[in-house]
């Protein structure tokens, strides 16, 4: 079994300080959280941006500042920028984080209902954004909220717009999408092509149980305040505490934790692109 890659979804677009005072908002807070989580064992960081009023933004300047601060404090980690639509639906704005040339960026390959909104990713947009991934060489993390999103990704692969081996993140337990059950996780993990890698992001109370299942199944794990704001005992979570919890569970089961460079190998990332984003931060 490969070593375990721990991803942290630090901030997201929805959580606020009122929901949990530990949610990092500013570039400084985000970078300090990355350093704490990296020291605890995380290697891959799913990064959103907030504006000065703590609202979600696709402002490329804020993404640049987030990355600059992260790389100052934790130069070894893998940065994965978000292309999510909650911060705005403009196609070019959603593609701009990919054009900054991070090692990875998120790519939700379909539409679904989320609380209060339709998370829209039309077929035309998927081909557009897949084309940007293809042009830049950035590796997409395929975000899967339901099974059809796997098929959409494979269609884009057949068109030559994204390239194997693919990496999937199964987002389970979001209201309006597939429930966060081990049965659904097993089904999705068995529905992707051989040679693919996968992680699970359990939403809310599903986070730690699904992470535990992924650890013993040979998958990888995403935790963080974007997905879940409380520890299993009901106390307020921090990103670092969630990472520490996963590391303890992994060690109890005999699963070793991947270093950043080991994660790059497992995910088939080109080591030569590790610091490519730094040239785009000025």
Protein backbone atom coordinates (compact mmCIF):
# COMPACT_ATOMS: atom_id res chain seq x y z
CA UNK A 1 0.00 0.00 0.00
CA UNK A 2 1.33 3.44 -0.93
CA UNK A 3 2.05 5.94 1.80
CA UNK A 4 -0.86 8.18 2.76
CA UNK A 5 -1.21 11.63 1.20
CA UNK A 6 -2.96 14.07 3.53
CA UNK A 7 -4.63 17.05 1.86
CA UNK A 8 -5.98 20.02 3.80
CA UNK A 9 -8.86 22.16 2.50
CA UNK A 10 -8.05 25.14 4.66
CA UNK A 11 -10.72 27.76 4.14
CA UNK A 12 -13.27 27.04 1.42
CA UNK A 13 -15.86 29.58 0.35
CA UNK A 14 -18.53 29.04 3.00
CA UNK A 15 -17.06 28.88 6.56
CA UNK A 16 -16.83 32.11 8.54
CA UNK A 17 -15.13 33.14 11.77
CA UNK A 18 -18.58 33.15 13.36
CA UNK A 19 -18.96 29.47 12.52
CA UNK A 20 -15.47 28.61 13.78
CA UNK A 21 -12.94 31.24 14.90
CA UNK A 22 -10.07 29.09 13.63
CA UNK A 23 -10.98 29.40 9.93
CA UNK A 24 -7.99 31.13 8.26
CA UNK A 25 -9.00 34.07 6.09
CA UNK A 26 -6.05 36.35 5.43
CA UNK A 27 -2.96 35.29 3.48
CA UNK A 28 -0.99 35.44 6.73
CA UNK A 29 -3.47 33.21 8.59
CA UNK A 30 -3.61 30.75 5.70
CA UNK A 31 0.18 30.48 5.48
CA UNK A 32 0.58 29.97 9.22
CA UNK A 33 -2.06 27.23 9.11
CA UNK A 34 -0.25 25.55 6.22
CA UNK A 35 2.97 25.51 8.24
CA UNK A 36 1.24 24.01 11.29
CA UNK A 37 -0.47 21.37 9.16
CA UNK A 38 2.74 20.54 7.28
CA UNK A 39 4.54 20.06 10.58
CA UNK A 40 1.74 17.67 11.60
CA UNK A 41 2.04 15.58 8.39
CA UNK A 42 -0.02 17.19 5.62
CA UNK A 43 1.62 17.70 2.23
CA UNK A 44 -1.07 18.97 -0.19
CA UNK A 45 -3.08 22.16 0.36
CA UNK A 46 -6.35 23.06 -1.37
CA UNK A 47 -6.33 26.86 -1.39
CA UNK A 48 -9.20 29.32 -1.79
CA UNK A 49 -9.05 33.10 -1.51
CA UNK A 50 -11.05 35.65 0.50
CA UNK A 51 -11.22 39.40 0.02
CA UNK A 52 -10.70 42.05 2.70
CA UNK A 53 -14.29 41.52 3.85
CA UNK A 54 -13.69 37.76 4.17
CA UNK A 55 -15.92 37.02 1.18
CA UNK A 56 -14.95 34.42 -1.45
CA UNK A 57 -13.03 35.92 -4.35
CA UNK A 58 -11.40 34.85 -7.61
CA UNK A 59 -9.14 37.91 -7.57
CA UNK A 60 -5.87 36.57 -8.90
CA UNK A 61 -3.94 39.07 -6.79
CA UNK A 62 -5.29 37.47 -3.62
CA UNK A 63 -4.40 34.00 -4.89
CA UNK A 64 -0.89 35.24 -5.61
CA UNK A 65 -0.55 36.66 -2.12
CA UNK A 66 -1.80 33.41 -0.57
CA UNK A 67 0.74 31.39 -2.54
CA UNK A 68 3.56 33.83 -1.83
CA UNK A 69 2.95 33.61 1.91
CA UNK A 70 2.56 29.83 1.82
CA UNK A 71 5.78 29.30 -0.10
CA UNK A 72 7.64 31.65 2.25
CA UNK A 73 6.69 29.55 5.28
CA UNK A 74 6.35 26.08 3.73
CA UNK A 75 8.29 25.91 0.45
CA UNK A 76 8.15 22.11 0.34
CA UNK A 77 4.37 21.67 0.15
CA UNK A 78 2.15 21.03 -2.89
CA UNK A 79 -0.24 23.91 -3.61
CA UNK A 80 -3.57 23.11 -5.25
CA UNK A 81 -5.60 26.19 -6.20
CA UNK A 82 -9.40 26.17 -6.35
CA UNK A 83 -11.40 26.85 -9.51
CA UNK A 84 -14.73 26.65 -7.67
CA UNK A 85 -17.77 28.67 -8.75
CA UNK A 86 -19.04 29.96 -5.40
CA UNK A 87 -16.65 32.92 -5.70
CA UNK A 88 -17.89 33.77 -9.21
CA UNK A 89 -19.04 32.16 -12.45
CA UNK A 90 -16.91 34.00 -15.01
CA UNK A 91 -15.03 31.37 -17.00
CA UNK A 92 -11.80 33.29 -17.35
CA UNK A 93 -11.75 34.22 -13.67
CA UNK A 94 -12.21 30.58 -12.69
CA UNK A 95 -9.37 29.57 -15.03
CA UNK A 96 -6.93 32.20 -13.79
CA UNK A 97 -5.75 30.16 -10.78
CA UNK A 98 -4.72 27.39 -13.20
CA UNK A 99 -2.82 29.90 -15.33
CA UNK A 100 -0.71 30.80 -12.28
CA UNK A 101 0.86 27.33 -12.83
CA UNK A 102 0.39 25.66 -9.44
CA UNK A 103 1.33 22.00 -9.32
CA UNK A 104 -2.39 21.14 -9.08
CA UNK A 105 -5.82 22.78 -9.27
CA UNK A 106 -9.31 21.51 -8.56
CA UNK A 107 -11.69 20.56 -11.37
CA UNK A 108 -15.32 19.64 -10.62
CA UNK A 109 -16.48 17.75 -13.69
CA UNK A 110 -20.22 18.29 -13.47
CA UNK A 111 -23.06 20.24 -11.90
CA UNK A 112 -24.90 19.47 -8.70
CA UNK A 113 -27.19 20.98 -6.10
CA UNK A 114 -25.62 22.45 -2.98
CA UNK A 115 -27.44 24.29 -0.18
CA UNK A 116 -29.02 27.36 -1.72
CA UNK A 117 -27.33 27.12 -5.12
CA UNK A 118 -26.86 25.08 -8.25
CA UNK A 119 -23.13 24.46 -8.54
CA UNK A 120 -23.01 24.88 -12.30
CA UNK A 121 -20.29 23.36 -14.48
CA UNK A 122 -21.77 23.07 -17.97
CA UNK A 123 -20.37 20.70 -20.62
CA UNK A 124 -19.08 23.73 -22.52
CA UNK A 125 -17.30 25.07 -19.43
CA UNK A 126 -15.78 21.67 -18.68
CA UNK A 127 -14.20 21.54 -22.14
CA UNK A 128 -12.96 25.12 -21.76
CA UNK A 129 -11.35 24.51 -18.37
CA UNK A 130 -9.97 21.12 -19.44
CA UNK A 131 -8.33 22.95 -22.33
CA UNK A 132 -6.65 25.33 -19.87
CA UNK A 133 -5.33 22.37 -17.87
CA UNK A 134 -4.05 20.85 -21.10
CA UNK A 135 -2.33 24.06 -22.23
CA UNK A 136 -0.67 24.76 -18.88
CA UNK A 137 0.30 21.23 -17.86
CA UNK A 138 -1.25 21.74 -14.41
CA UNK A 139 -2.57 18.47 -12.98
CA UNK A 140 -6.30 18.56 -12.23
CA UNK A 141 -7.78 16.99 -9.15
CA UNK A 142 -11.12 15.67 -10.39
CA UNK A 143 -13.71 16.63 -7.76
CA UNK A 144 -16.50 14.05 -7.79
CA UNK A 145 -19.80 14.75 -6.02
CA UNK A 146 -21.66 11.99 -7.87
CA UNK A 147 -20.85 9.14 -10.24
CA UNK A 148 -21.54 10.94 -13.52
CA UNK A 149 -18.62 13.26 -12.83
CA UNK A 150 -16.25 10.30 -13.25
CA UNK A 151 -17.74 9.60 -16.67
CA UNK A 152 -17.42 13.28 -17.63
CA UNK A 153 -13.74 13.20 -16.71
CA UNK A 154 -13.17 10.08 -18.79
CA UNK A 155 -14.89 11.77 -21.74
CA UNK A 156 -12.47 14.70 -21.44
CA UNK A 157 -9.59 12.23 -21.26
CA UNK A 158 -10.75 10.53 -24.48
CA UNK A 159 -10.78 13.95 -26.14
CA UNK A 160 -7.14 14.41 -25.13
CA UNK A 161 -7.87 17.38 -22.84
CA UNK A 162 -6.78 15.77 -19.57
CA UNK A 163 -4.26 12.99 -19.25
CA UNK A 164 -3.82 9.84 -17.19
CA UNK A 165 -3.04 8.88 -14.55
CA UNK A 166 -6.00 10.84 -13.19
CA UNK A 167 -6.40 11.83 -9.55
CA UNK A 168 -9.92 11.89 -8.12
CA UNK A 169 -11.28 13.42 -4.92
CA UNK A 170 -14.62 11.96 -3.84
CA UNK A 171 -16.64 14.66 -2.04
CA UNK A 172 -19.26 12.78 -0.05
CA UNK A 173 -21.90 13.96 2.38
CA UNK A 174 -22.63 17.40 0.92
CA UNK A 175 -26.39 18.12 1.08
CA UNK A 176 -27.86 17.50 -2.37
CA UNK A 177 -25.10 15.10 -3.42
CA UNK A 178 -24.08 11.51 -2.70
CA UNK A 179 -24.36 10.64 1.00
CA UNK A 180 -21.18 10.15 2.98
CA UNK A 181 -21.25 6.37 3.37
CA UNK A 182 -18.52 3.78 3.10
CA UNK A 183 -20.70 1.93 0.58
CA UNK A 184 -20.65 4.97 -1.73
CA UNK A 185 -16.91 5.42 -1.23
CA UNK A 186 -16.27 1.80 -2.19
CA UNK A 187 -18.48 2.14 -5.27
CA UNK A 188 -16.72 5.29 -6.47
CA UNK A 189 -13.24 3.93 -5.79
CA UNK A 190 -14.08 0.88 -7.91
CA UNK A 191 -15.47 3.05 -10.74
CA UNK A 192 -12.25 4.83 -11.75
CA UNK A 193 -9.66 3.54 -14.24
CA UNK A 194 -6.83 1.29 -13.06
CA UNK A 195 -3.75 3.31 -12.25
CA UNK A 196 -5.74 6.29 -10.99
CA UNK A 197 -5.26 7.70 -7.50
CA UNK A 198 -8.02 8.90 -5.22
CA UNK A 199 -8.78 10.68 -1.97
CA UNK A 200 -11.97 11.28 -0.02
CA UNK A 201 -13.37 14.48 1.42
CA UNK A 202 -16.12 13.64 3.86
CA UNK A 203 -18.39 16.57 4.64
CA UNK A 204 -19.33 17.30 8.25
CA UNK A 205 -19.67 14.24 10.45
CA UNK A 206 -18.66 12.01 7.54
CA UNK A 207 -15.11 13.43 7.46
CA UNK A 208 -13.31 11.23 10.00
CA UNK A 209 -15.23 7.97 9.34
CA UNK A 210 -14.66 8.20 5.57
CA UNK A 211 -11.03 9.21 6.10
CA UNK A 212 -10.57 6.11 8.26
CA UNK A 213 -12.13 3.94 5.55
CA UNK A 214 -9.87 5.47 2.90
CA UNK A 215 -6.78 4.81 5.00
CA UNK A 216 -7.50 1.07 5.21
CA UNK A 217 -8.69 0.89 1.57
CA UNK A 218 -5.45 2.31 0.19
CA UNK A 219 -6.83 5.70 -0.81
CA UNK A 220 -5.81 9.12 0.41
CA UNK A 221 -7.48 11.66 2.69
CA UNK A 222 -8.65 15.28 2.58
CA UNK A 223 -9.59 17.04 5.81
CA UNK A 224 -9.96 20.68 6.76
CA UNK A 225 -12.29 23.42 7.88
CA UNK A 226 -13.73 23.82 4.39
CA UNK A 227 -15.40 20.45 4.88
CA UNK A 228 -15.93 20.12 8.62
CA UNK A 229 -15.84 22.59 11.51
CA UNK A 230 -15.91 20.30 14.55
CA UNK A 231 -13.91 17.44 16.02
CA UNK A 232 -15.68 14.12 16.64
CA UNK A 233 -16.21 15.14 20.29
CA UNK A 234 -18.06 18.27 19.19
CA UNK A 235 -15.32 20.76 20.05
CA UNK A 236 -14.27 23.37 17.48
CA UNK A 237 -11.79 21.92 15.01
CA UNK A 238 -8.60 23.42 13.71
CA UNK A 239 -6.94 22.35 10.50
CA UNK A 240 -3.89 21.13 12.42
CA UNK A 241 -5.98 19.11 14.89
CA UNK A 242 -7.74 17.38 12.01
CA UNK A 243 -4.39 16.46 10.44
CA UNK A 244 -3.11 15.18 13.77
CA UNK A 245 -6.23 13.02 14.11
CA UNK A 246 -5.66 11.44 10.69
CA UNK A 247 -1.98 10.81 11.42
CA UNK A 248 -2.90 8.99 14.66
CA UNK A 249 -5.46 6.82 12.87
CA UNK A 250 -3.01 6.03 10.07
CA UNK A 251 -0.30 5.03 12.52
CA UNK A 252 -2.71 2.79 14.42
CA UNK A 253 -3.47 0.96 11.18
CA UNK A 254 0.18 0.76 10.08
CA UNK A 255 -0.15 3.21 7.18
CA UNK A 256 2.87 5.46 6.71
CA UNK A 257 2.52 9.17 5.90
CA UNK A 258 3.87 10.48 2.57
CA UNK A 259 6.38 13.31 2.46
CA UNK A 260 5.83 16.08 -0.12
CA UNK A 261 8.23 14.51 -2.61
CA UNK A 262 6.76 11.04 -2.05
CA UNK A 263 3.32 12.52 -2.71
CA UNK A 264 4.62 14.07 -5.94
CA UNK A 265 5.76 10.63 -7.09
CA UNK A 266 2.47 8.96 -6.13
CA UNK A 267 0.47 11.67 -7.95
CA UNK A 268 2.78 11.61 -11.00
CA UNK A 269 3.67 15.29 -10.60
CA UNK A 270 6.70 16.57 -12.47
CA UNK A 271 9.31 17.62 -9.86
CA UNK A 272 10.64 20.20 -12.32
CA UNK A 273 7.31 22.10 -11.98
CA UNK A 274 7.51 22.29 -8.18
CA UNK A 275 8.35 25.99 -8.04
CA UNK A 276 7.04 27.10 -11.43
CA UNK A 277 4.30 29.16 -9.79
CA UNK A 278 6.89 31.37 -8.11
CA UNK A 279 7.68 33.02 -11.44
CA UNK A 280 4.05 34.23 -11.69
CA UNK A 281 3.76 35.92 -8.29
CA UNK A 282 5.20 39.35 -9.19
